[in-house]
Amino acid sequence: MERRDFIRLSLGGIILAALGPYLKAGKAFAAETINKLTLTNAEWKQKLTPTEYDILREEGIERPFTSKLLDEHREGTFVCVACDLPLFPSSFKYDSGTGWPSFFDSISGHVETKTDYKLIVPRTEYHCARCGGHHGHVFDDGPKPTGLRYCNNGAVLEFIPKRGMI
């Protein structure tokens, strides 16, 4: 091996090691910066319907089997109704039988979680990373590959079909 080749290989290894934390599934990615949307309660009440406000801002819940998105099976993206941040691609959706739209994963960095003790037993609650709106809870009884079930209030999601799929 020539000295020049050794230096190139060494530099390549150093670069790869530095990029290691940014490699996922063989693809390099950069953490997306989510600009936070902060409104007053009065502004949220003007922007949202009473049901959306109850769920997103007061951590309410819709009745099971009432969401029009339960039977949505087209290709597209599910976005937060309050701020349009994409939360779930349609390929992550599955029928959990619970009565709420369910997903086995979310778009990386687009949801944030916290522990909810409202039912005494701790649960993981998740929110939109942009507006902080409550969407539902995540459980560990979902399908592979993640084993997770993001149980979402469909009233606070909007479905955007893939172009040409309307």
Protein backbone atom coordinates (compact mmCIF):
# COMPACT_ATOMS: atom_id res chain seq x y z
CA MET A 1 0.00 0.00 0.00
CA GLU A 2 1.34 3.39 -0.92
CA ARG A 3 1.54 6.15 1.65
CA ARG A 4 -1.01 8.23 -0.30
CA ASP A 5 -3.57 5.38 -0.21
CA PHE A 6 -2.96 4.86 3.51
CA ILE A 7 -3.65 8.55 4.19
CA ARG A 8 -6.86 8.49 2.09
CA LEU A 9 -8.13 5.39 3.90
CA SER A 10 -7.28 6.90 7.28
CA LEU A 11 -9.04 10.15 6.47
CA GLY A 12 -12.05 8.21 5.20
CA GLY A 13 -12.22 6.29 8.49
CA ILE A 14 -12.02 9.50 10.50
CA ILE A 15 -14.80 11.10 8.45
CA LEU A 16 -16.98 8.00 8.79
CA ALA A 17 -16.43 7.93 12.55
CA ALA A 18 -17.40 11.60 12.80
CA LEU A 19 -20.56 11.02 10.75
CA GLY A 20 -21.52 7.85 12.65
CA PRO A 21 -24.17 9.51 14.82
CA TYR A 22 -25.81 10.93 11.69
CA LEU A 23 -26.08 7.65 9.82
CA LYS A 24 -29.39 5.81 9.96
CA ALA A 25 -30.39 2.84 7.84
CA GLY A 26 -27.44 3.51 5.58
CA LYS A 27 -28.49 7.09 4.83
CA ALA A 28 -26.91 10.24 6.18
CA PHE A 29 -29.36 12.70 7.67
CA ALA A 30 -29.16 16.01 9.41
CA ALA A 31 -31.41 16.77 12.33
CA GLU A 32 -34.22 18.96 11.13
CA THR A 33 -34.73 22.18 13.01
CA ILE A 34 -38.38 22.49 13.97
CA ASN A 35 -39.42 26.11 14.43
CA LYS A 36 -41.79 26.18 17.41
CA LEU A 37 -45.24 27.73 17.01
CA THR A 38 -46.36 29.50 20.16
CA LEU A 39 -49.81 31.07 20.38
CA THR A 40 -51.89 32.30 23.30
CA ASN A 41 -54.92 30.28 24.40
CA ALA A 42 -57.15 32.91 22.80
CA GLU A 43 -55.28 32.57 19.49
CA TRP A 44 -55.54 28.75 19.64
CA LYS A 45 -59.29 29.03 20.30
CA GLN A 46 -59.66 31.20 17.18
CA LYS A 47 -57.56 28.86 15.05
CA LEU A 48 -59.01 25.50 16.17
CA THR A 49 -62.47 23.97 16.37
CA PRO A 50 -63.74 23.29 19.92
CA THR A 51 -62.94 19.56 19.51
CA GLU A 52 -59.43 20.27 18.17
CA TYR A 53 -58.79 22.73 21.01
CA ASP A 54 -59.97 20.22 23.63
CA ILE A 55 -57.69 17.48 22.31
CA LEU A 56 -54.62 19.51 21.35
CA ARG A 57 -54.52 22.11 24.13
CA GLU A 58 -56.35 20.38 27.01
CA GLU A 59 -55.23 16.81 26.28
CA GLY A 60 -58.75 15.57 25.63
CA ILE A 61 -59.71 12.46 23.70
CA GLU A 62 -62.13 11.68 20.90
CA ARG A 63 -64.55 8.78 21.13
CA PRO A 64 -63.20 5.57 19.58
CA PHE A 65 -64.38 4.55 16.09
CA THR A 66 -65.46 8.13 15.23
CA SER A 67 -62.43 9.26 13.19
CA LYS A 68 -62.88 9.57 9.44
CA LEU A 69 -59.19 8.60 9.18
CA LEU A 70 -59.71 5.05 10.47
CA ASP A 71 -60.47 3.86 6.95
CA GLU A 72 -57.91 6.08 5.19
CA HIS A 73 -55.64 3.75 3.21
CA ARG A 74 -54.27 5.93 0.40
CA GLU A 75 -50.62 6.86 0.10
CA GLY A 76 -49.83 10.17 1.71
CA THR A 77 -48.95 11.89 4.95
CA PHE A 78 -50.79 12.55 8.20
CA VAL A 79 -50.09 16.07 9.48
CA CYS A 80 -50.92 18.02 12.63
CA VAL A 81 -54.16 19.92 12.04
CA ALA A 82 -52.91 22.90 14.07
CA CYS A 83 -49.58 23.57 12.34
CA ASP A 84 -49.31 21.23 9.31
CA LEU A 85 -46.17 19.46 10.58
CA PRO A 86 -45.98 15.99 8.99
CA LEU A 87 -46.17 13.38 11.76
CA PHE A 88 -46.75 10.01 10.08
CA PRO A 89 -46.34 8.68 6.54
CA SER A 90 -49.24 6.45 5.51
CA SER A 91 -46.83 3.51 5.29
CA PHE A 92 -46.59 3.58 9.12
CA LYS A 93 -50.37 3.24 9.62
CA TYR A 94 -51.99 -0.03 10.62
CA ASP A 95 -55.32 -1.23 12.00
CA SER A 96 -54.83 -1.74 15.74
CA GLY A 97 -58.51 -2.54 16.36
CA THR A 98 -58.61 0.12 19.11
CA GLY A 99 -60.84 2.60 17.29
CA TRP A 100 -58.19 5.27 16.81
CA PRO A 101 -55.79 5.75 13.89
CA SER A 102 -52.60 3.90 14.87
CA PHE A 103 -49.04 4.05 13.60
CA PHE A 104 -46.01 1.89 14.40
CA ASP A 105 -43.59 4.84 14.16
CA SER A 106 -43.49 8.60 13.61
CA ILE A 107 -41.38 10.88 11.47
CA SER A 108 -38.11 11.28 13.36
CA GLY A 109 -37.99 14.46 15.42
CA HIS A 110 -41.58 15.44 14.66
CA VAL A 111 -43.13 14.23 17.92
CA GLU A 112 -42.04 14.79 21.50
CA THR A 113 -43.04 12.69 24.50
CA LYS A 114 -43.67 13.10 28.19
CA THR A 115 -44.91 10.83 30.95
CA ASP A 116 -48.62 11.12 31.76
CA TYR A 117 -49.86 10.06 35.22
CA LYS A 118 -53.56 10.96 34.75
CA LEU A 119 -54.64 7.32 35.09
CA ILE A 120 -52.18 6.72 37.96
CA VAL A 121 -50.27 4.18 35.85
CA PRO A 122 -47.62 6.07 33.86
CA ARG A 123 -48.20 6.32 30.12
CA THR A 124 -46.16 7.95 27.38
CA GLU A 125 -48.00 10.88 25.88
CA TYR A 126 -46.87 12.43 22.61
CA HIS A 127 -47.15 15.90 21.18
CA CYS A 128 -46.44 17.67 17.91
CA ALA A 129 -42.87 18.97 18.02
CA ARG A 130 -43.85 22.27 16.36
CA CYS A 131 -46.99 23.43 18.19
CA GLY A 132 -46.89 21.20 21.27
CA GLY A 133 -50.39 19.91 20.56
CA HIS A 134 -51.38 16.66 22.30
CA HIS A 135 -52.05 13.86 19.80
CA GLY A 136 -52.28 10.72 21.87
CA HIS A 137 -50.25 8.06 23.63
CA VAL A 138 -47.62 5.57 22.54
CA PHE A 139 -47.76 1.98 23.78
CA ASP A 140 -45.39 -0.97 23.40
CA ASP A 141 -47.97 -3.39 21.98
CA GLY A 142 -47.58 -2.53 18.29
CA PRO A 143 -46.34 -4.53 15.34
CA LYS A 144 -42.81 -5.03 14.05
CA PRO A 145 -40.45 -3.45 13.26
CA THR A 146 -40.79 -1.07 16.26
CA GLY A 147 -43.28 -2.85 18.51
CA LEU A 148 -44.87 0.56 19.15
CA ARG A 149 -48.45 1.79 18.76
CA TYR A 150 -48.89 5.51 18.39
CA CYS A 151 -52.59 5.78 19.23
CA ASN A 152 -53.70 9.08 17.71
CA ASN A 153 -56.82 11.20 18.02
CA GLY A 154 -57.86 11.34 14.36
CA ALA A 155 -59.71 14.63 14.89
CA VAL A 156 -56.35 16.41 15.19
CA LEU A 157 -54.77 14.89 12.10
CA GLU A 158 -55.23 15.92 8.51
CA PHE A 159 -54.46 13.50 5.70
CA ILE A 160 -52.59 14.87 2.69
CA PRO A 161 -52.77 12.37 -0.18
CA LYS A 162 -49.69 11.74 -2.27
CA ARG A 163 -49.79 13.83 -5.41
CA GLY A 164 -51.93 12.11 -8.01
CA MET A 165 -53.70 9.93 -5.39
CA ILE A 166 -56.82 12.08 -4.84
